[in-house]
């Protein structure tokens, strides 16, 4: 079965850290760029970060640049999102998805033109609150 499964969400205090994981099954991460998205209540889905399949290129949304770091472990076939200096506005459900048309990351993560995203995970809730 081809799928992505997210884990690692939870409650963090402002300024705190969380690490999310995205485990792939049924395909190798080398095939596609993997994109992290988030969606807060009442807001549109936002691309957060991207990591390339073969070259490991990375891109970040301006809102998380310098605070979030995306990485991948090819042996474990997982992608991680290390989130530091968390802010209340980072509260959202976080999803990972494969870019079925691209294996490299360019431009803004999560842009829709020229991209098709699939194998969506079920999402993991991140709440930043004191």
N, C-alpha and C. Protein backbone atom coordinates (compact mmCIF):
# COMPACT_ATOMS: atom_id res chain seq x y z
N UNK A 1 0.85 -1.19 0.00
CA UNK A 1 0.00 0.00 0.00
C UNK A 1 0.88 1.24 0.00
N UNK A 2 0.60 2.15 -0.91
CA UNK A 2 1.37 3.38 -1.03
C UNK A 2 0.76 4.42 -0.11
N UNK A 3 1.54 4.89 0.85
CA UNK A 3 1.01 5.88 1.77
C UNK A 3 2.11 6.60 2.51
N UNK A 4 1.71 7.74 3.09
CA UNK A 4 2.55 8.50 4.00
C UNK A 4 1.83 8.59 5.32
N UNK A 5 2.56 8.44 6.41
CA UNK A 5 1.96 8.50 7.73
C UNK A 5 2.75 9.48 8.59
N UNK A 6 2.04 10.51 9.09
CA UNK A 6 2.68 11.50 9.94
C UNK A 6 2.56 11.11 11.41
N UNK A 7 3.52 11.56 12.19
CA UNK A 7 3.47 11.37 13.64
C UNK A 7 4.30 12.45 14.30
N UNK A 8 4.15 12.57 15.61
CA UNK A 8 5.01 13.47 16.37
C UNK A 8 4.36 14.77 16.81
N UNK A 9 3.13 14.99 16.42
CA UNK A 9 2.47 16.21 16.85
C UNK A 9 2.17 16.21 18.33
N UNK A 10 1.70 17.34 18.82
CA UNK A 10 1.36 17.44 20.24
C UNK A 10 1.27 18.88 20.67
N UNK A 11 1.37 19.07 21.96
CA UNK A 11 1.28 20.40 22.57
C UNK A 11 2.67 20.89 22.92
N UNK A 12 2.97 22.11 22.55
CA UNK A 12 4.25 22.71 22.90
C UNK A 12 4.01 24.13 23.38
N UNK A 13 4.90 24.62 24.22
CA UNK A 13 4.81 26.00 24.67
C UNK A 13 5.46 26.91 23.66
N UNK A 14 5.07 28.15 23.62
CA UNK A 14 5.77 29.10 22.75
C UNK A 14 7.26 29.10 23.05
N UNK A 15 8.05 29.06 21.99
CA UNK A 15 9.49 28.97 22.13
C UNK A 15 10.00 27.55 22.21
N UNK A 16 9.09 26.60 22.30
CA UNK A 16 9.47 25.20 22.41
C UNK A 16 9.73 24.55 21.06
N UNK A 17 9.91 23.23 21.10
CA UNK A 17 10.26 22.48 19.90
C UNK A 17 9.42 21.21 19.79
N UNK A 18 9.21 20.80 18.57
CA UNK A 18 8.61 19.50 18.26
C UNK A 18 9.27 18.97 17.00
N UNK A 19 9.28 17.64 16.87
CA UNK A 19 9.77 17.03 15.65
C UNK A 19 8.68 16.14 15.07
N UNK A 20 8.31 16.41 13.84
CA UNK A 20 7.32 15.60 13.13
C UNK A 20 8.03 14.61 12.22
N UNK A 21 7.42 13.45 12.05
CA UNK A 21 7.94 12.44 11.12
C UNK A 21 6.90 12.10 10.08
N UNK A 22 7.39 11.75 8.91
CA UNK A 22 6.54 11.35 7.79
C UNK A 22 7.15 10.07 7.23
N UNK A 23 6.49 8.95 7.49
CA UNK A 23 7.01 7.65 7.07
C UNK A 23 6.34 7.21 5.77
N UNK A 24 7.16 6.84 4.81
CA UNK A 24 6.65 6.41 3.51
C UNK A 24 6.64 4.89 3.43
N UNK A 25 5.59 4.36 2.84
CA UNK A 25 5.54 2.93 2.55
C UNK A 25 5.00 2.73 1.15
N UNK A 26 5.48 1.69 0.47
CA UNK A 26 5.05 1.41 -0.88
C UNK A 26 5.82 2.15 -1.96
N UNK A 27 6.71 3.04 -1.57
CA UNK A 27 7.57 3.73 -2.54
C UNK A 27 8.78 4.28 -1.80
N UNK A 28 9.82 4.58 -2.56
CA UNK A 28 11.03 5.14 -1.97
C UNK A 28 11.02 6.65 -2.08
N UNK A 29 11.55 7.29 -1.07
CA UNK A 29 11.55 8.75 -1.02
C UNK A 29 12.37 9.36 -2.14
N UNK A 30 13.27 8.57 -2.75
CA UNK A 30 14.05 9.09 -3.87
C UNK A 30 13.17 9.50 -5.04
N UNK A 31 11.97 8.93 -5.13
CA UNK A 31 11.15 9.13 -6.32
C UNK A 31 10.59 10.55 -6.42
N UNK A 32 10.22 11.12 -5.26
CA UNK A 32 9.47 12.37 -5.28
C UNK A 32 10.03 13.36 -4.27
N UNK A 33 9.77 14.63 -4.54
CA UNK A 33 9.93 15.62 -3.49
C UNK A 33 8.79 15.43 -2.48
N UNK A 34 9.10 15.60 -1.21
CA UNK A 34 8.09 15.49 -0.16
C UNK A 34 7.87 16.88 0.43
N UNK A 35 6.61 17.25 0.53
CA UNK A 35 6.24 18.58 0.99
C UNK A 35 5.45 18.49 2.28
N UNK A 36 5.81 19.32 3.24
CA UNK A 36 5.02 19.49 4.45
C UNK A 36 4.06 20.64 4.25
N UNK A 37 2.80 20.40 4.57
CA UNK A 37 1.76 21.42 4.55
C UNK A 37 1.20 21.57 5.96
N UNK A 38 0.50 22.66 6.18
CA UNK A 38 -0.26 22.81 7.42
C UNK A 38 -1.55 23.55 7.11
N UNK A 39 -2.53 23.29 7.94
CA UNK A 39 -3.80 23.98 7.80
C UNK A 39 -4.36 24.28 9.18
N UNK A 40 -4.54 25.56 9.43
CA UNK A 40 -5.12 26.00 10.69
C UNK A 40 -6.62 26.19 10.49
N UNK A 41 -7.41 26.12 11.56
CA UNK A 41 -8.86 26.29 11.43
C UNK A 41 -9.21 27.60 10.75
N UNK A 42 -10.05 27.52 9.74
CA UNK A 42 -10.51 28.72 9.06
C UNK A 42 -9.51 29.32 8.09
N UNK A 43 -8.39 28.65 7.89
CA UNK A 43 -7.36 29.18 6.99
C UNK A 43 -7.10 28.20 5.86
N UNK A 44 -6.52 28.71 4.79
CA UNK A 44 -6.17 27.86 3.66
C UNK A 44 -4.93 27.02 4.00
N UNK A 45 -4.84 25.91 3.31
CA UNK A 45 -3.66 25.07 3.46
C UNK A 45 -2.42 25.82 2.99
N UNK A 46 -1.34 25.67 3.72
CA UNK A 46 -0.11 26.41 3.45
C UNK A 46 1.06 25.44 3.31
N UNK A 47 1.85 25.61 2.28
CA UNK A 47 3.06 24.82 2.15
C UNK A 47 4.10 25.34 3.13
N UNK A 48 4.75 24.43 3.84
CA UNK A 48 5.70 24.82 4.88
C UNK A 48 7.13 24.56 4.45
N UNK A 49 7.38 23.36 3.92
CA UNK A 49 8.74 22.99 3.58
C UNK A 49 8.73 21.87 2.56
N UNK A 50 9.82 21.77 1.82
CA UNK A 50 9.96 20.73 0.80
C UNK A 50 11.36 20.16 0.88
N UNK A 51 11.47 18.85 0.63
CA UNK A 51 12.78 18.23 0.52
C UNK A 51 12.80 17.37 -0.73
N UNK A 52 13.85 17.52 -1.53
CA UNK A 52 13.93 16.82 -2.79
C UNK A 52 14.18 15.34 -2.63
N UNK A 53 13.76 14.59 -3.67
CA UNK A 53 13.90 13.15 -3.63
C UNK A 53 15.35 12.71 -3.73
N UNK A 54 15.97 12.97 -4.86
CA UNK A 54 17.33 12.48 -5.08
C UNK A 54 18.39 13.44 -4.55
N UNK A 55 18.16 14.73 -4.72
CA UNK A 55 19.23 15.67 -4.38
C UNK A 55 19.11 16.26 -2.99
N UNK A 56 18.00 16.01 -2.31
CA UNK A 56 17.85 16.53 -0.95
C UNK A 56 17.73 18.03 -0.86
N UNK A 57 17.43 18.69 -2.00
CA UNK A 57 17.25 20.13 -1.97
C UNK A 57 16.10 20.48 -1.02
N UNK A 58 16.20 21.64 -0.38
CA UNK A 58 15.17 22.04 0.57
C UNK A 58 14.71 23.47 0.30
N UNK A 59 13.44 23.70 0.56
CA UNK A 59 12.89 25.05 0.51
C UNK A 59 11.95 25.22 1.70
N UNK A 60 11.75 26.47 2.09
CA UNK A 60 10.93 26.78 3.26
C UNK A 60 10.04 27.98 2.97
N UNK A 61 8.88 27.98 3.59
CA UNK A 61 8.05 29.18 3.58
C UNK A 61 8.73 30.25 4.43
N UNK A 62 8.51 31.50 4.06
CA UNK A 62 9.14 32.59 4.81
C UNK A 62 8.75 32.57 6.29
N UNK A 63 7.54 32.11 6.56
CA UNK A 63 7.02 32.13 7.92
C UNK A 63 7.77 31.17 8.86
N UNK A 64 8.50 30.19 8.30
CA UNK A 64 9.18 29.22 9.14
C UNK A 64 10.69 29.21 8.91
N UNK A 65 11.16 29.98 7.96
CA UNK A 65 12.57 29.98 7.63
C UNK A 65 13.41 30.35 8.85
N UNK A 66 14.45 29.58 9.09
CA UNK A 66 15.31 29.83 10.24
C UNK A 66 14.83 29.16 11.52
N UNK A 67 13.61 28.65 11.52
CA UNK A 67 13.07 27.97 12.71
C UNK A 67 12.82 26.48 12.47
N UNK A 68 12.43 26.14 11.26
CA UNK A 68 12.12 24.75 10.92
C UNK A 68 13.23 24.18 10.04
N UNK A 69 13.51 22.90 10.22
CA UNK A 69 14.49 22.21 9.40
C UNK A 69 13.92 20.88 8.94
N UNK A 70 13.94 20.66 7.63
CA UNK A 70 13.45 19.40 7.08
C UNK A 70 14.65 18.51 6.72
N UNK A 71 14.50 17.23 6.96
CA UNK A 71 15.56 16.28 6.64
C UNK A 71 14.94 14.94 6.29
N UNK A 72 15.76 14.03 5.78
CA UNK A 72 15.23 12.70 5.50
C UNK A 72 16.26 11.64 5.79
N UNK A 73 15.75 10.47 6.11
CA UNK A 73 16.58 9.31 6.40
C UNK A 73 16.21 8.25 5.36
N UNK A 74 17.07 8.08 4.37
CA UNK A 74 16.75 7.13 3.30
C UNK A 74 16.67 5.70 3.81
N UNK A 75 17.48 5.37 4.79
CA UNK A 75 17.46 4.00 5.31
C UNK A 75 16.13 3.69 5.98
N UNK A 76 15.58 4.68 6.67
CA UNK A 76 14.29 4.50 7.34
C UNK A 76 13.11 4.89 6.45
N UNK A 77 13.42 5.50 5.30
CA UNK A 77 12.38 5.97 4.37
C UNK A 77 11.41 6.94 5.07
N UNK A 78 12.00 7.86 5.83
CA UNK A 78 11.19 8.85 6.54
C UNK A 78 11.73 10.26 6.30
N UNK A 79 10.85 11.21 6.41
CA UNK A 79 11.18 12.63 6.36
C UNK A 79 10.81 13.23 7.71
N UNK A 80 11.66 14.08 8.24
CA UNK A 80 11.41 14.72 9.52
C UNK A 80 11.32 16.22 9.36
N UNK A 81 10.55 16.84 10.23
CA UNK A 81 10.46 18.30 10.28
C UNK A 81 10.74 18.71 11.71
N UNK A 82 11.91 19.27 11.93
CA UNK A 82 12.30 19.77 13.25
C UNK A 82 11.79 21.21 13.36
N UNK A 83 10.96 21.44 14.36
CA UNK A 83 10.34 22.76 14.52
C UNK A 83 10.82 23.36 15.83
N UNK A 84 11.56 24.45 15.72
CA UNK A 84 12.07 25.16 16.90
C UNK A 84 11.44 26.54 17.01
N UNK A 85 11.62 27.15 18.16
CA UNK A 85 11.10 28.50 18.40
C UNK A 85 9.64 28.61 17.98
N UNK A 86 8.86 27.66 18.40
CA UNK A 86 7.46 27.60 17.99
C UNK A 86 6.68 28.80 18.47
N UNK A 87 5.72 29.19 17.64
CA UNK A 87 4.85 30.34 17.93
C UNK A 87 3.40 29.86 17.93
N UNK A 88 2.53 30.57 18.60
CA UNK A 88 1.11 30.18 18.57
C UNK A 88 0.56 30.09 17.15
N UNK A 89 1.05 30.91 16.26
CA UNK A 89 0.57 30.88 14.87
C UNK A 89 1.04 29.65 14.10
N UNK A 90 1.90 28.83 14.69
CA UNK A 90 2.27 27.56 14.08
C UNK A 90 1.23 26.47 14.37
N UNK A 91 0.27 26.78 15.19
CA UNK A 91 -0.79 25.81 15.51
C UNK A 91 -1.57 25.45 14.25
N UNK A 92 -1.63 24.17 13.95
CA UNK A 92 -2.30 23.69 12.74
C UNK A 92 -2.23 22.17 12.70
N UNK A 93 -2.96 21.59 11.77
CA UNK A 93 -2.76 20.19 11.43
C UNK A 93 -1.69 20.14 10.33
N UNK A 94 -0.67 19.33 10.55
CA UNK A 94 0.44 19.23 9.62
C UNK A 94 0.32 17.95 8.82
N UNK A 95 0.50 18.08 7.52
CA UNK A 95 0.41 16.96 6.60
C UNK A 95 1.69 16.86 5.76
N UNK A 96 2.02 15.65 5.34
CA UNK A 96 3.05 15.50 4.33
C UNK A 96 2.43 14.87 3.09
N UNK A 97 2.99 15.22 1.97
CA UNK A 97 2.48 14.73 0.69
C UNK A 97 3.64 14.61 -0.29
N UNK A 98 3.49 13.74 -1.26
CA UNK A 98 4.48 13.58 -2.30
C UNK A 98 4.12 14.45 -3.50
N UNK A 99 5.12 15.13 -4.05
CA UNK A 99 4.91 15.88 -5.29
C UNK A 99 5.11 14.89 -6.44
N UNK A 100 4.00 14.45 -7.02
CA UNK A 100 4.04 13.37 -8.00
C UNK A 100 4.64 13.80 -9.34
N UNK A 101 4.88 15.11 -9.50
CA UNK A 101 5.43 15.59 -10.77
C UNK A 101 6.87 16.06 -10.64
N UNK A 102 7.38 16.19 -9.43
CA UNK A 102 8.70 16.77 -9.23
C UNK A 102 9.51 15.91 -8.26
N UNK A 103 10.80 15.81 -8.53
CA UNK A 103 11.68 15.16 -7.55
C UNK A 103 12.60 16.17 -6.88
N UNK A 104 12.57 17.41 -7.33
CA UNK A 104 13.37 18.46 -6.73
C UNK A 104 12.46 19.55 -6.21
N UNK A 105 12.99 20.32 -5.27
CA UNK A 105 12.23 21.42 -4.70
C UNK A 105 12.70 22.72 -5.30
N UNK A 106 11.79 23.48 -5.84
CA UNK A 106 12.09 24.81 -6.36
C UNK A 106 10.95 25.73 -5.99
N UNK A 107 11.24 27.00 -5.90
CA UNK A 107 10.18 27.97 -5.65
C UNK A 107 9.61 27.84 -4.24
N UNK A 108 8.37 28.24 -4.13
CA UNK A 108 7.69 28.24 -2.84
C UNK A 108 7.15 26.84 -2.57
N UNK A 109 7.40 26.28 -1.38
CA UNK A 109 6.86 24.95 -1.11
C UNK A 109 5.35 24.94 -1.15
N UNK A 110 4.82 23.92 -1.81
CA UNK A 110 3.37 23.77 -1.86
C UNK A 110 2.68 24.53 -2.96
N UNK A 111 3.43 25.22 -3.83
CA UNK A 111 2.76 25.91 -4.93
C UNK A 111 2.06 24.88 -5.80
N UNK A 112 0.93 25.28 -6.39
CA UNK A 112 0.09 24.31 -7.08
C UNK A 112 0.36 24.25 -8.58
N UNK A 113 0.76 25.33 -9.20
CA UNK A 113 0.94 25.32 -10.64
C UNK A 113 2.13 24.43 -11.00
N UNK A 114 1.87 23.44 -11.82
CA UNK A 114 2.91 22.52 -12.23
C UNK A 114 3.22 21.43 -11.24
N UNK A 115 2.39 21.32 -10.22
CA UNK A 115 2.60 20.30 -9.19
C UNK A 115 1.31 19.54 -8.95
N UNK A 116 1.45 18.27 -8.67
CA UNK A 116 0.34 17.43 -8.25
C UNK A 116 0.77 16.70 -6.98
N UNK A 117 0.00 16.87 -5.93
CA UNK A 117 0.37 16.28 -4.64
C UNK A 117 -0.51 15.07 -4.37
N UNK A 118 0.12 14.01 -3.89
CA UNK A 118 -0.63 12.80 -3.60
C UNK A 118 -0.04 12.05 -2.43
N UNK A 119 -0.64 10.90 -2.16
CA UNK A 119 -0.26 10.04 -1.04
C UNK A 119 -0.33 10.79 0.28
N UNK A 120 -1.34 11.64 0.41
CA UNK A 120 -1.48 12.44 1.63
C UNK A 120 -1.60 11.55 2.86
N UNK A 121 -0.92 12.00 3.94
CA UNK A 121 -1.11 11.35 5.21
C UNK A 121 -2.38 11.86 5.88
N UNK A 122 -2.65 11.33 7.06
CA UNK A 122 -3.88 11.70 7.78
C UNK A 122 -3.72 12.98 8.58
N UNK A 123 -2.49 13.44 8.72
CA UNK A 123 -2.23 14.68 9.44
C UNK A 123 -1.92 14.44 10.91
N UNK A 124 -1.21 15.39 11.50
CA UNK A 124 -0.90 15.34 12.93
C UNK A 124 -1.06 16.75 13.49
N UNK A 125 -1.74 16.85 14.62
CA UNK A 125 -2.08 18.14 15.21
C UNK A 125 -0.89 18.70 15.98
N UNK A 126 -0.57 19.95 15.71
CA UNK A 126 0.43 20.69 16.49
C UNK A 126 -0.27 21.88 17.13
N UNK A 127 -0.16 21.98 18.44
CA UNK A 127 -0.77 23.08 19.17
C UNK A 127 0.32 23.77 19.98
N UNK A 128 0.44 25.07 19.76
CA UNK A 128 1.43 25.86 20.50
C UNK A 128 0.68 26.83 21.39
N UNK A 129 0.80 26.60 22.67
CA UNK A 129 0.03 27.40 23.62
C UNK A 129 0.68 27.32 24.99
N UNK A 130 0.55 28.41 25.74
CA UNK A 130 1.04 28.41 27.11
C UNK A 130 -0.07 28.02 28.08
